[in-house]
Amino acid sequence: MTWRITLVLVVSVVVGIGAWGGSERETLEGRISIKGSEPHTYIALSTPDQTFQLTGDRAEVLAADYQNRTVRVEGIRVEGDTASLLPLIEVVSFEVVER
């Protein structure tokens, strides 16, 4: 009986995480920059219409190697309780459009 309760809890948590976080990918194209003031800086992708805050390991690569360049980013919008005032995108992959 105990293993059934554990199984139900695990399945519920996995389904809940999938529904809460969402997994629809978005493709955005814009210019990479670092915004804010130390110690509160963030990696930004500025499109003609909106600015997005980027997160994740690939976002760190973008910040280190591709500042002020135009890139196409594929990512997942992070929903829920975030401290960011901008839409938050976890970068899954990217492609440099302008060298």
C-alpha atoms as a PDB file:
ATOM      1  CA  MET A   1       0.000   0.000   0.000  1.00  0.00           C
ATOM      2  CA  THR A   2       2.811   2.432   0.856  1.00  0.00           C
ATOM      3  CA  TRP A   3       4.507   2.035  -2.544  1.00  0.00           C
ATOM      4  CA  ARG A   4       1.218   2.944  -4.276  1.00  0.00           C
ATOM      5  CA  ILE A   5       0.950   6.188  -2.329  1.00  0.00           C
ATOM      6  CA  THR A   6       4.580   6.983  -3.153  1.00  0.00           C
ATOM      7  CA  LEU A   7       3.987   6.250  -6.846  1.00  0.00           C
ATOM      8  CA  VAL A   8       0.908   8.483  -6.928  1.00  0.00           C
ATOM      9  CA  LEU A   9       2.840  11.317  -5.258  1.00  0.00           C
ATOM     10  CA  VAL A  10       5.765  11.036  -7.683  1.00  0.00           C
ATOM     11  CA  VAL A  11       3.484  11.032 -10.733  1.00  0.00           C
ATOM     12  CA  SER A  12       1.546  14.007  -9.356  1.00  0.00           C
ATOM     13  CA  VAL A  13       4.732  16.011  -8.807  1.00  0.00           C
ATOM     14  CA  VAL A  14       6.070  15.238 -12.305  1.00  0.00           C
ATOM     15  CA  VAL A  15       2.769  16.164 -13.970  1.00  0.00           C
ATOM     16  CA  GLY A  16       2.502  19.303 -11.827  1.00  0.00           C
ATOM     17  CA  ILE A  17       5.996  20.468 -12.713  1.00  0.00           C
ATOM     18  CA  GLY A  18       5.314  19.941 -16.417  1.00  0.00           C
ATOM     19  CA  ALA A  19       2.065  21.899 -16.264  1.00  0.00           C
ATOM     20  CA  TRP A  20       3.507  24.722 -14.144  1.00  0.00           C
ATOM     21  CA  GLY A  21       6.735  25.293 -16.051  1.00  0.00           C
ATOM     22  CA  GLY A  22       5.374  24.875 -19.537  1.00  0.00           C
ATOM     23  CA  SER A  23       7.555  23.514 -22.276  1.00  0.00           C
ATOM     24  CA  GLU A  24       6.584  25.450 -25.365  1.00  0.00           C
ATOM     25  CA  ARG A  25       9.654  26.774 -27.086  1.00  0.00           C
ATOM     26  CA  GLU A  26       9.860  30.273 -28.465  1.00  0.00           C
ATOM     27  CA  THR A  27      12.228  31.595 -31.104  1.00  0.00           C
ATOM     28  CA  LEU A  28      13.317  35.210 -30.717  1.00  0.00           C
ATOM     29  CA  GLU A  29      15.780  37.337 -32.659  1.00  0.00           C
ATOM     30  CA  GLY A  30      17.491  40.369 -31.196  1.00  0.00           C
ATOM     31  CA  ARG A  31      20.632  41.974 -29.822  1.00  0.00           C
ATOM     32  CA  ILE A  32      22.444  40.633 -26.734  1.00  0.00           C
ATOM     33  CA  SER A  33      23.476  43.034 -23.965  1.00  0.00           C
ATOM     34  CA  ILE A  34      24.214  43.191 -20.259  1.00  0.00           C
ATOM     35  CA  LYS A  35      21.886  45.541 -18.400  1.00  0.00           C
ATOM     36  CA  GLY A  36      21.590  46.828 -14.846  1.00  0.00           C
ATOM     37  CA  SER A  37      24.191  47.882 -12.300  1.00  0.00           C
ATOM     38  CA  GLU A  38      26.464  45.692 -10.206  1.00  0.00           C
ATOM     39  CA  PRO A  39      25.591  43.555  -8.372  1.00  0.00           C
ATOM     40  CA  HIS A  40      22.183  43.399 -10.109  1.00  0.00           C
ATOM     41  CA  THR A  41      23.063  42.817 -13.751  1.00  0.00           C
ATOM     42  CA  TYR A  42      21.214  40.571 -16.169  1.00  0.00           C
ATOM     43  CA  ILE A  43      21.582  39.257 -19.696  1.00  0.00           C
ATOM     44  CA  ALA A  44      19.089  40.851 -22.073  1.00  0.00           C
ATOM     45  CA  LEU A  45      17.825  40.100 -25.562  1.00  0.00           C
ATOM     46  CA  SER A  46      16.347  43.222 -27.138  1.00  0.00           C
ATOM     47  CA  THR A  47      13.968  42.760 -30.058  1.00  0.00           C
ATOM     48  CA  PRO A  48      12.335  45.675 -31.908  1.00  0.00           C
ATOM     49  CA  ASP A  49       9.194  45.189 -29.776  1.00  0.00           C
ATOM     50  CA  GLN A  50      10.346  43.996 -26.355  1.00  0.00           C
ATOM     51  CA  THR A  51      13.273  43.166 -24.075  1.00  0.00           C
ATOM     52  CA  PHE A  52      13.652  39.721 -22.509  1.00  0.00           C
ATOM     53  CA  GLN A  53      15.838  38.560 -19.645  1.00  0.00           C
ATOM     54  CA  LEU A  54      17.813  35.422 -20.518  1.00  0.00           C
ATOM     55  CA  THR A  55      18.842  32.686 -18.130  1.00  0.00           C
ATOM     56  CA  GLY A  56      20.727  29.387 -18.230  1.00  0.00           C
ATOM     57  CA  ASP A  57      24.202  28.173 -19.191  1.00  0.00           C
ATOM     58  CA  ARG A  58      23.776  29.130 -22.838  1.00  0.00           C
ATOM     59  CA  ALA A  59      22.763  32.649 -21.815  1.00  0.00           C
ATOM     60  CA  GLU A  60      26.097  32.939 -19.980  1.00  0.00           C
ATOM     61  CA  VAL A  61      27.895  31.978 -23.210  1.00  0.00           C
ATOM     62  CA  LEU A  62      25.923  34.634 -25.082  1.00  0.00           C
ATOM     63  CA  ALA A  63      26.919  37.265 -22.523  1.00  0.00           C
ATOM     64  CA  ALA A  64      30.582  36.288 -22.573  1.00  0.00           C
ATOM     65  CA  ASP A  65      31.079  35.911 -26.327  1.00  0.00           C
ATOM     66  CA  TYR A  66      28.269  37.645 -28.244  1.00  0.00           C
ATOM     67  CA  GLN A  67      27.479  41.008 -26.632  1.00  0.00           C
ATOM     68  CA  ASN A  68      26.094  43.601 -29.062  1.00  0.00           C
ATOM     69  CA  ARG A  69      25.540  40.958 -31.736  1.00  0.00           C
ATOM     70  CA  THR A  70      22.268  39.888 -33.262  1.00  0.00           C
ATOM     71  CA  VAL A  71      21.317  36.304 -32.420  1.00  0.00           C
ATOM     72  CA  ARG A  72      18.372  33.970 -32.825  1.00  0.00           C
ATOM     73  CA  VAL A  73      17.520  32.318 -29.505  1.00  0.00           C
ATOM     74  CA  GLU A  74      15.331  29.295 -28.931  1.00  0.00           C
ATOM     75  CA  GLY A  75      14.125  29.085 -25.365  1.00  0.00           C
ATOM     76  CA  ILE A  76      11.408  28.280 -22.880  1.00  0.00           C
ATOM     77  CA  ARG A  77       9.491  31.051 -21.147  1.00  0.00           C
ATOM     78  CA  VAL A  78       9.840  30.735 -17.373  1.00  0.00           C
ATOM     79  CA  GLU A  79       6.478  31.271 -15.718  1.00  0.00           C
ATOM     80  CA  GLY A  80       5.590  31.428 -12.070  1.00  0.00           C
ATOM     81  CA  ASP A  81       7.201  33.251  -9.197  1.00  0.00           C
ATOM     82  CA  THR A  82      10.189  35.065 -10.708  1.00  0.00           C
ATOM     83  CA  ALA A  83      11.795  38.242  -9.439  1.00  0.00           C
ATOM     84  CA  SER A  84      12.244  39.539 -12.981  1.00  0.00           C
ATOM     85  CA  LEU A  85      10.038  42.345 -14.245  1.00  0.00           C
ATOM     86  CA  LEU A  86      10.866  41.306 -17.814  1.00  0.00           C
ATOM     87  CA  PRO A  87       9.713  38.113 -19.530  1.00  0.00           C
ATOM     88  CA  LEU A  88      12.254  35.456 -18.520  1.00  0.00           C
ATOM     89  CA  ILE A  89      13.529  33.015 -21.157  1.00  0.00           C
ATOM     90  CA  GLU A  90      15.683  29.969 -20.416  1.00  0.00           C
ATOM     91  CA  VAL A  91      17.937  29.604 -23.454  1.00  0.00           C
ATOM     92  CA  VAL A  92      17.911  26.144 -25.032  1.00  0.00           C
ATOM     93  CA  SER A  93      19.939  26.982 -28.146  1.00  0.00           C
ATOM     94  CA  PHE A  94      21.120  29.970 -30.136  1.00  0.00           C
ATOM     95  CA  GLU A  95      22.475  30.934 -33.528  1.00  0.00           C
ATOM     96  CA  VAL A  96      24.510  34.018 -34.387  1.00  0.00           C
ATOM     97  CA  VAL A  97      22.764  36.001 -37.126  1.00  0.00           C
ATOM     98  CA  GLU A  98      25.229  38.905 -37.328  1.00  0.00           C
ATOM     99  CA  ARG A  99      28.958  38.445 -36.884  1.00  0.00           C
END
